N, C-alpha and C. Protein backbone atom coordinates (compact mmCIF):
# COMPACT_ATOMS: atom_id res chain seq x y z
N MET A 1 -23.80 10.82 82.76
CA MET A 1 -22.54 10.47 82.15
C MET A 1 -22.78 9.71 80.84
N ILE A 2 -23.19 8.45 80.92
CA ILE A 2 -23.56 7.69 79.73
C ILE A 2 -25.07 7.53 79.75
N HIS A 3 -25.72 7.91 78.66
CA HIS A 3 -27.16 7.74 78.55
C HIS A 3 -27.47 6.30 78.15
N TYR A 4 -26.75 5.79 77.14
CA TYR A 4 -26.88 4.39 76.74
C TYR A 4 -25.70 4.01 75.86
N ILE A 5 -25.50 2.70 75.68
CA ILE A 5 -24.53 2.18 74.73
C ILE A 5 -25.28 1.23 73.80
N GLY A 6 -25.17 1.47 72.52
CA GLY A 6 -25.77 0.59 71.52
C GLY A 6 -24.70 -0.23 70.84
N LEU A 7 -25.02 -1.49 70.58
CA LEU A 7 -24.12 -2.40 69.87
C LEU A 7 -24.87 -3.02 68.71
N ARG A 8 -24.19 -3.14 67.57
CA ARG A 8 -24.85 -3.71 66.39
C ARG A 8 -23.82 -4.47 65.57
N VAL A 9 -24.20 -5.65 65.11
CA VAL A 9 -23.31 -6.46 64.30
C VAL A 9 -24.13 -7.23 63.26
N ILE A 10 -23.54 -7.43 62.10
CA ILE A 10 -24.20 -8.14 61.01
C ILE A 10 -23.52 -9.48 60.79
N ALA A 11 -24.34 -10.53 60.69
CA ALA A 11 -23.85 -11.85 60.30
C ALA A 11 -24.17 -12.02 58.83
N HIS A 12 -23.14 -12.02 58.01
CA HIS A 12 -23.32 -12.18 56.57
C HIS A 12 -23.62 -13.64 56.25
N SER A 13 -24.09 -13.90 55.05
CA SER A 13 -24.47 -15.26 54.67
C SER A 13 -23.30 -16.23 54.70
N THR A 14 -22.08 -15.72 54.61
CA THR A 14 -20.89 -16.57 54.65
C THR A 14 -20.41 -16.85 56.07
N GLU A 15 -21.08 -16.27 57.07
CA GLU A 15 -20.66 -16.43 58.46
C GLU A 15 -21.66 -17.28 59.24
N ASP A 16 -21.17 -17.91 60.26
CA ASP A 16 -22.02 -18.67 61.19
C ASP A 16 -22.65 -17.67 62.16
N PRO A 17 -23.98 -17.50 62.12
CA PRO A 17 -24.62 -16.52 63.01
C PRO A 17 -24.34 -16.76 64.50
N SER A 18 -24.16 -18.01 64.89
CA SER A 18 -23.90 -18.28 66.31
C SER A 18 -22.52 -17.75 66.73
N ARG A 19 -21.56 -17.75 65.82
CA ARG A 19 -20.24 -17.20 66.13
C ARG A 19 -20.30 -15.68 66.23
N VAL A 20 -21.07 -15.07 65.34
CA VAL A 20 -21.23 -13.61 65.38
C VAL A 20 -21.95 -13.22 66.66
N ARG A 21 -22.96 -13.99 67.02
CA ARG A 21 -23.70 -13.73 68.26
C ARG A 21 -22.78 -13.89 69.47
N LYS A 22 -21.90 -14.87 69.45
CA LYS A 22 -20.97 -15.06 70.55
C LYS A 22 -20.05 -13.85 70.69
N ALA A 23 -19.63 -13.27 69.57
CA ALA A 23 -18.79 -12.07 69.61
C ALA A 23 -19.55 -10.91 70.26
N LEU A 24 -20.83 -10.74 69.92
CA LEU A 24 -21.64 -9.70 70.54
C LEU A 24 -21.83 -9.98 72.03
N ASP A 25 -22.11 -11.22 72.36
CA ASP A 25 -22.32 -11.60 73.76
C ASP A 25 -21.09 -11.35 74.62
N PHE A 26 -19.91 -11.41 74.02
CA PHE A 26 -18.67 -11.09 74.75
C PHE A 26 -18.78 -9.71 75.39
N PHE A 27 -19.32 -8.75 74.66
CA PHE A 27 -19.50 -7.40 75.21
C PHE A 27 -20.69 -7.35 76.16
N LEU A 28 -21.79 -7.98 75.78
CA LEU A 28 -23.00 -7.91 76.60
C LEU A 28 -22.80 -8.56 77.96
N LEU A 29 -22.14 -9.70 77.98
CA LEU A 29 -21.91 -10.38 79.26
C LEU A 29 -21.05 -9.54 80.19
N ASN A 30 -20.17 -8.74 79.61
CA ASN A 30 -19.29 -7.91 80.42
C ASN A 30 -19.89 -6.55 80.74
N SER A 31 -21.10 -6.29 80.25
CA SER A 31 -21.77 -5.04 80.61
C SER A 31 -22.37 -5.12 82.01
N THR A 32 -22.47 -6.31 82.53
CA THR A 32 -22.99 -6.47 83.89
C THR A 32 -21.90 -6.37 84.93
N GLY A 33 -20.65 -6.41 84.47
CA GLY A 33 -19.53 -6.38 85.40
C GLY A 33 -19.30 -7.72 86.07
N ARG A 34 -20.09 -8.71 85.73
CA ARG A 34 -19.96 -10.02 86.36
C ARG A 34 -19.54 -11.10 85.37
N GLY A 35 -19.70 -10.84 84.07
CA GLY A 35 -19.29 -11.81 83.07
C GLY A 35 -20.09 -13.10 83.08
N GLU A 36 -21.36 -13.02 83.45
CA GLU A 36 -22.20 -14.22 83.46
C GLU A 36 -23.52 -13.91 82.76
N ASP A 37 -24.15 -14.97 82.26
CA ASP A 37 -25.40 -14.80 81.52
C ASP A 37 -26.54 -14.47 82.47
N ASN A 38 -27.08 -13.27 82.33
CA ASN A 38 -28.24 -12.91 83.14
C ASN A 38 -29.34 -12.40 82.21
N ASN A 39 -29.78 -13.30 81.36
CA ASN A 39 -30.87 -13.03 80.43
C ASN A 39 -30.50 -12.04 79.34
N ILE A 40 -29.29 -12.13 78.82
CA ILE A 40 -28.91 -11.21 77.75
C ILE A 40 -29.64 -11.53 76.44
N SER A 41 -30.12 -12.76 76.30
CA SER A 41 -30.83 -13.11 75.08
C SER A 41 -32.04 -12.22 74.85
N ALA A 42 -32.71 -11.86 75.93
CA ALA A 42 -33.89 -11.00 75.81
C ALA A 42 -33.52 -9.58 75.40
N ALA A 43 -32.27 -9.19 75.63
CA ALA A 43 -31.83 -7.83 75.31
C ALA A 43 -31.41 -7.66 73.86
N VAL A 44 -31.27 -8.76 73.13
CA VAL A 44 -30.77 -8.70 71.76
C VAL A 44 -31.93 -8.78 70.77
N GLU A 45 -31.97 -7.80 69.90
CA GLU A 45 -32.95 -7.80 68.82
C GLU A 45 -32.30 -8.44 67.59
N ILE A 46 -33.02 -9.35 66.95
CA ILE A 46 -32.49 -10.04 65.77
C ILE A 46 -33.40 -9.73 64.58
N ILE A 47 -32.80 -9.25 63.52
CA ILE A 47 -33.54 -8.93 62.30
C ILE A 47 -32.94 -9.73 61.15
N ASP A 48 -33.78 -10.48 60.45
CA ASP A 48 -33.35 -11.16 59.23
C ASP A 48 -33.64 -10.21 58.08
N ALA A 49 -32.61 -9.96 57.28
CA ALA A 49 -32.73 -8.99 56.21
C ALA A 49 -32.05 -9.51 54.95
N GLU A 50 -32.08 -8.68 53.94
CA GLU A 50 -31.46 -9.02 52.67
C GLU A 50 -30.38 -8.00 52.37
N GLY A 51 -29.20 -8.49 52.00
CA GLY A 51 -28.09 -7.61 51.69
C GLY A 51 -28.27 -6.93 50.34
N HIS A 52 -27.32 -6.10 49.98
CA HIS A 52 -27.37 -5.32 48.75
C HIS A 52 -27.52 -6.21 47.50
N TYR A 53 -26.89 -7.36 47.51
CA TYR A 53 -26.94 -8.27 46.36
C TYR A 53 -27.95 -9.40 46.53
N GLY A 54 -28.88 -9.23 47.47
CA GLY A 54 -29.92 -10.23 47.67
C GLY A 54 -29.53 -11.34 48.62
N ASN A 55 -28.34 -11.28 49.18
CA ASN A 55 -27.88 -12.30 50.10
C ASN A 55 -28.54 -12.12 51.47
N PRO A 56 -28.85 -13.24 52.14
CA PRO A 56 -29.46 -13.12 53.47
C PRO A 56 -28.43 -12.65 54.50
N ILE A 57 -28.86 -11.75 55.37
CA ILE A 57 -28.03 -11.31 56.49
C ILE A 57 -28.88 -11.31 57.75
N ARG A 58 -28.21 -11.41 58.87
CA ARG A 58 -28.89 -11.35 60.16
C ARG A 58 -28.23 -10.23 60.96
N ILE A 59 -29.06 -9.33 61.46
CA ILE A 59 -28.56 -8.18 62.22
C ILE A 59 -28.89 -8.39 63.69
N PHE A 60 -27.87 -8.34 64.51
CA PHE A 60 -28.01 -8.45 65.96
C PHE A 60 -27.77 -7.06 66.55
N SER A 61 -28.66 -6.60 67.40
CA SER A 61 -28.44 -5.30 68.05
C SER A 61 -28.94 -5.34 69.49
N ALA A 62 -28.31 -4.51 70.30
CA ALA A 62 -28.69 -4.42 71.71
C ALA A 62 -28.40 -3.00 72.19
N GLN A 63 -29.18 -2.58 73.15
CA GLN A 63 -28.95 -1.27 73.76
C GLN A 63 -28.87 -1.46 75.27
N ILE A 64 -27.79 -0.96 75.84
CA ILE A 64 -27.58 -1.06 77.28
C ILE A 64 -27.91 0.30 77.87
N SER A 65 -28.98 0.35 78.62
CA SER A 65 -29.47 1.63 79.14
C SER A 65 -29.27 1.83 80.63
N ARG A 66 -29.16 0.74 81.37
CA ARG A 66 -28.96 0.89 82.82
C ARG A 66 -27.61 1.53 83.07
N LYS A 67 -27.60 2.55 83.90
CA LYS A 67 -26.39 3.32 84.16
C LYS A 67 -25.23 2.43 84.61
N GLN A 68 -25.47 1.54 85.56
CA GLN A 68 -24.39 0.70 86.07
C GLN A 68 -23.88 -0.27 85.02
N ASP A 69 -24.75 -0.77 84.15
CA ASP A 69 -24.32 -1.68 83.09
C ASP A 69 -23.52 -0.94 82.02
N SER A 70 -23.97 0.27 81.67
CA SER A 70 -23.24 1.08 80.69
C SER A 70 -21.84 1.40 81.21
N LYS A 71 -21.76 1.80 82.45
CA LYS A 71 -20.47 2.12 83.06
C LYS A 71 -19.58 0.89 83.11
N ALA A 72 -20.15 -0.27 83.48
CA ALA A 72 -19.37 -1.51 83.55
C ALA A 72 -18.81 -1.87 82.17
N LEU A 73 -19.62 -1.71 81.13
CA LEU A 73 -19.14 -2.02 79.78
C LEU A 73 -18.05 -1.06 79.36
N ALA A 74 -18.21 0.23 79.63
CA ALA A 74 -17.18 1.21 79.28
C ALA A 74 -15.86 0.89 80.00
N VAL A 75 -15.94 0.54 81.26
CA VAL A 75 -14.74 0.19 82.03
C VAL A 75 -14.12 -1.08 81.46
N PHE A 76 -14.93 -2.06 81.15
CA PHE A 76 -14.43 -3.31 80.57
C PHE A 76 -13.70 -3.04 79.25
N ILE A 77 -14.31 -2.25 78.38
CA ILE A 77 -13.68 -1.94 77.09
C ILE A 77 -12.34 -1.26 77.30
N ARG A 78 -12.33 -0.24 78.14
CA ARG A 78 -11.09 0.52 78.36
C ARG A 78 -10.00 -0.35 78.96
N GLN A 79 -10.34 -1.20 79.91
CA GLN A 79 -9.34 -2.04 80.58
C GLN A 79 -8.77 -3.11 79.67
N HIS A 80 -9.52 -3.49 78.63
CA HIS A 80 -9.09 -4.58 77.77
C HIS A 80 -8.55 -4.12 76.41
N MET A 81 -8.47 -2.80 76.21
CA MET A 81 -7.90 -2.30 74.96
C MET A 81 -6.38 -2.26 75.07
N SER A 82 -5.73 -2.46 73.95
CA SER A 82 -4.27 -2.36 73.93
C SER A 82 -3.86 -0.89 74.04
N ASP A 83 -2.61 -0.67 74.40
CA ASP A 83 -2.10 0.70 74.49
C ASP A 83 -2.18 1.41 73.14
N ASP A 84 -1.94 0.66 72.07
CA ASP A 84 -2.03 1.26 70.72
C ASP A 84 -3.45 1.70 70.41
N ASP A 85 -4.45 0.88 70.79
CA ASP A 85 -5.85 1.24 70.54
C ASP A 85 -6.25 2.45 71.39
N VAL A 86 -5.77 2.52 72.61
CA VAL A 86 -6.07 3.67 73.47
C VAL A 86 -5.49 4.93 72.84
N GLU A 87 -4.27 4.84 72.36
CA GLU A 87 -3.63 6.00 71.72
C GLU A 87 -4.39 6.41 70.45
N LEU A 88 -4.82 5.44 69.68
CA LEU A 88 -5.61 5.73 68.48
C LEU A 88 -6.91 6.43 68.85
N LEU A 89 -7.60 5.93 69.88
CA LEU A 89 -8.84 6.57 70.32
C LEU A 89 -8.59 8.01 70.76
N ARG A 90 -7.53 8.21 71.52
CA ARG A 90 -7.21 9.57 71.98
C ARG A 90 -7.02 10.52 70.80
N SER A 91 -6.30 10.06 69.79
CA SER A 91 -6.02 10.93 68.64
C SER A 91 -7.26 11.18 67.79
N GLU A 92 -8.21 10.26 67.81
CA GLU A 92 -9.40 10.38 66.97
C GLU A 92 -10.65 10.81 67.72
N MET A 93 -10.54 11.06 69.02
CA MET A 93 -11.72 11.38 69.82
C MET A 93 -12.59 12.50 69.24
N PRO A 94 -12.01 13.63 68.83
CA PRO A 94 -12.88 14.68 68.28
C PRO A 94 -13.67 14.24 67.05
N ASP A 95 -13.08 13.37 66.22
CA ASP A 95 -13.77 12.89 65.02
C ASP A 95 -14.80 11.82 65.33
N ARG A 96 -14.61 11.10 66.40
CA ARG A 96 -15.53 10.01 66.76
C ARG A 96 -16.74 10.50 67.55
N LEU A 97 -16.67 11.70 68.07
CA LEU A 97 -17.78 12.29 68.83
C LEU A 97 -18.57 13.20 67.91
N ASP A 98 -19.82 12.83 67.64
CA ASP A 98 -20.62 13.63 66.70
C ASP A 98 -21.35 14.77 67.42
N ASP A 99 -22.08 15.56 66.65
CA ASP A 99 -22.77 16.73 67.20
C ASP A 99 -23.91 16.37 68.15
N GLU A 100 -24.36 15.14 68.10
CA GLU A 100 -25.42 14.68 68.99
C GLU A 100 -24.86 14.03 70.26
N GLN A 101 -23.55 14.20 70.47
CA GLN A 101 -22.86 13.66 71.64
C GLN A 101 -22.86 12.14 71.67
N VAL A 102 -22.72 11.54 70.50
CA VAL A 102 -22.60 10.09 70.38
C VAL A 102 -21.16 9.77 69.98
N PHE A 103 -20.52 8.92 70.77
CA PHE A 103 -19.14 8.51 70.52
C PHE A 103 -19.16 7.17 69.82
N HIS A 104 -18.49 7.08 68.66
CA HIS A 104 -18.54 5.90 67.81
C HIS A 104 -17.24 5.10 67.85
N MET A 105 -17.38 3.78 67.98
CA MET A 105 -16.24 2.86 67.93
C MET A 105 -16.67 1.62 67.16
N ARG A 106 -15.70 0.95 66.55
CA ARG A 106 -15.94 -0.35 65.91
C ARG A 106 -14.94 -1.34 66.47
N PHE A 107 -15.44 -2.54 66.76
CA PHE A 107 -14.60 -3.59 67.32
C PHE A 107 -14.55 -4.78 66.37
N ASP A 108 -13.38 -5.39 66.29
CA ASP A 108 -13.15 -6.53 65.42
C ASP A 108 -13.99 -7.72 65.87
N LYS A 109 -14.81 -8.27 64.97
CA LYS A 109 -15.69 -9.40 65.33
C LYS A 109 -14.89 -10.65 65.70
N GLN A 110 -13.87 -10.97 64.92
CA GLN A 110 -13.09 -12.18 65.19
C GLN A 110 -12.37 -12.08 66.52
N ALA A 111 -11.81 -10.92 66.81
CA ALA A 111 -11.14 -10.72 68.10
C ALA A 111 -12.13 -10.89 69.25
N ALA A 112 -13.32 -10.32 69.11
CA ALA A 112 -14.34 -10.45 70.16
C ALA A 112 -14.75 -11.91 70.33
N PHE A 113 -14.86 -12.63 69.23
CA PHE A 113 -15.19 -14.06 69.31
C PHE A 113 -14.13 -14.80 70.12
N GLU A 114 -12.88 -14.35 69.98
CA GLU A 114 -11.77 -14.98 70.70
C GLU A 114 -11.54 -14.37 72.08
N GLY A 115 -12.41 -13.43 72.50
CA GLY A 115 -12.33 -12.87 73.83
C GLY A 115 -11.36 -11.69 73.96
N ARG A 116 -11.19 -10.93 72.87
CA ARG A 116 -10.30 -9.77 72.91
C ARG A 116 -11.06 -8.53 72.43
N VAL A 117 -10.66 -7.37 72.95
CA VAL A 117 -11.22 -6.09 72.55
C VAL A 117 -10.20 -5.42 71.64
N GLU A 118 -10.55 -5.27 70.35
CA GLU A 118 -9.65 -4.63 69.39
C GLU A 118 -10.45 -3.69 68.51
N LEU A 119 -9.97 -2.47 68.40
CA LEU A 119 -10.59 -1.51 67.48
C LEU A 119 -10.30 -1.93 66.05
N THR A 120 -11.21 -1.56 65.15
CA THR A 120 -11.00 -1.79 63.73
C THR A 120 -11.62 -0.64 62.95
N SER A 121 -11.15 -0.45 61.75
CA SER A 121 -11.75 0.56 60.87
C SER A 121 -12.65 -0.09 59.83
N SER A 122 -12.72 -1.41 59.86
CA SER A 122 -13.55 -2.16 58.92
C SER A 122 -15.03 -1.89 59.17
N SER A 123 -15.81 -1.91 58.11
CA SER A 123 -17.26 -1.77 58.27
C SER A 123 -17.88 -3.09 58.73
N ASP A 124 -17.16 -4.20 58.56
CA ASP A 124 -17.63 -5.50 59.01
C ASP A 124 -17.15 -5.72 60.44
N ALA A 125 -17.85 -5.08 61.38
CA ALA A 125 -17.40 -5.04 62.76
C ALA A 125 -18.59 -4.96 63.70
N ILE A 126 -18.30 -4.99 64.98
CA ILE A 126 -19.31 -4.71 65.99
C ILE A 126 -19.29 -3.20 66.18
N ALA A 127 -20.34 -2.56 65.72
CA ALA A 127 -20.42 -1.10 65.82
C ALA A 127 -20.98 -0.73 67.19
N SER A 128 -20.32 0.21 67.81
CA SER A 128 -20.73 0.67 69.13
C SER A 128 -20.95 2.17 69.08
N HIS A 129 -22.03 2.60 69.69
CA HIS A 129 -22.25 4.04 69.83
C HIS A 129 -22.63 4.32 71.28
N VAL A 130 -21.88 5.24 71.86
CA VAL A 130 -22.03 5.59 73.27
C VAL A 130 -22.65 6.98 73.32
N LYS A 131 -23.89 7.06 73.79
CA LYS A 131 -24.58 8.34 73.91
C LYS A 131 -24.17 8.97 75.24
N ILE A 132 -23.52 10.12 75.14
CA ILE A 132 -23.04 10.83 76.32
C ILE A 132 -24.12 11.83 76.77
N ALA A 133 -24.39 11.84 78.05
CA ALA A 133 -25.40 12.74 78.61
C ALA A 133 -24.72 13.90 79.32
N THR A 134 -25.00 15.11 78.86
CA THR A 134 -24.58 16.32 79.56
C THR A 134 -25.77 17.26 79.61
N TYR A 135 -25.89 17.96 80.69
CA TYR A 135 -27.00 18.89 80.85
C TYR A 135 -26.45 20.24 81.26
N PRO A 136 -26.64 21.28 80.49
CA PRO A 136 -27.24 21.25 79.16
C PRO A 136 -26.30 20.59 78.16
N LYS A 137 -26.83 20.29 77.00
CA LYS A 137 -26.06 19.63 75.95
C LYS A 137 -24.84 20.49 75.61
N ASN A 138 -23.65 19.86 75.69
CA ASN A 138 -22.41 20.59 75.49
C ASN A 138 -21.35 19.63 74.97
N ARG A 139 -20.92 19.84 73.74
CA ARG A 139 -19.96 18.94 73.09
C ARG A 139 -18.62 18.91 73.83
N GLU A 140 -18.19 20.05 74.33
CA GLU A 140 -16.92 20.11 75.05
C GLU A 140 -16.98 19.26 76.33
N ASN A 141 -18.06 19.36 77.08
CA ASN A 141 -18.22 18.54 78.28
C ASN A 141 -18.33 17.06 77.92
N ALA A 142 -19.01 16.76 76.82
CA ALA A 142 -19.12 15.38 76.36
C ALA A 142 -17.73 14.84 76.03
N GLY A 143 -16.90 15.66 75.40
CA GLY A 143 -15.53 15.26 75.08
C GLY A 143 -14.72 14.94 76.32
N ARG A 144 -14.91 15.71 77.38
CA ARG A 144 -14.21 15.44 78.63
C ARG A 144 -14.67 14.10 79.23
N ILE A 145 -15.95 13.82 79.14
CA ILE A 145 -16.47 12.54 79.66
C ILE A 145 -15.89 11.38 78.87
N VAL A 146 -15.85 11.51 77.54
CA VAL A 146 -15.28 10.46 76.69
C VAL A 146 -13.81 10.25 77.05
N GLU A 147 -13.08 11.33 77.26
CA GLU A 147 -11.67 11.23 77.64
C GLU A 147 -11.53 10.49 78.97
N GLU A 148 -12.39 10.79 79.93
CA GLU A 148 -12.38 10.10 81.23
C GLU A 148 -12.62 8.61 81.05
N LEU A 149 -13.59 8.26 80.21
CA LEU A 149 -13.98 6.87 80.04
C LEU A 149 -12.98 6.06 79.24
N PHE A 150 -12.51 6.60 78.13
CA PHE A 150 -11.73 5.80 77.20
C PHE A 150 -10.30 6.30 76.96
N GLY A 151 -9.95 7.45 77.52
CA GLY A 151 -8.63 8.04 77.23
C GLY A 151 -7.54 7.65 78.17
């Protein structure tokens, strides 16, 4: 069903990295279905980099590969999205699912920091990519799985 879920967020030089990390942890803590810290720090890769204009940025990324954790995170996201966001996802599902069977979503960083799940179209967001597993590889079947999970 889900092969993995990847999450990635950038802390710009004007942002407090601990607040950005807290926004990411909001999703990671809920990938266990228990909402408690069970060594999520080890799951997060942190890269210090330089932005386009030479400004320092910090990139936080994590990949959730365990089937039960991926499913728990997908359920958490779907249960906490507003009706408007669900409707938006439904209307954009074909465009969000690429040829490699990866479903793309972006979540508002500030909302996540405040404990809410909100879709955004901004590039300054928590980027999520959900790799859908179908055997054999089939975009139509992947679309049905995405609809089951998030529709």
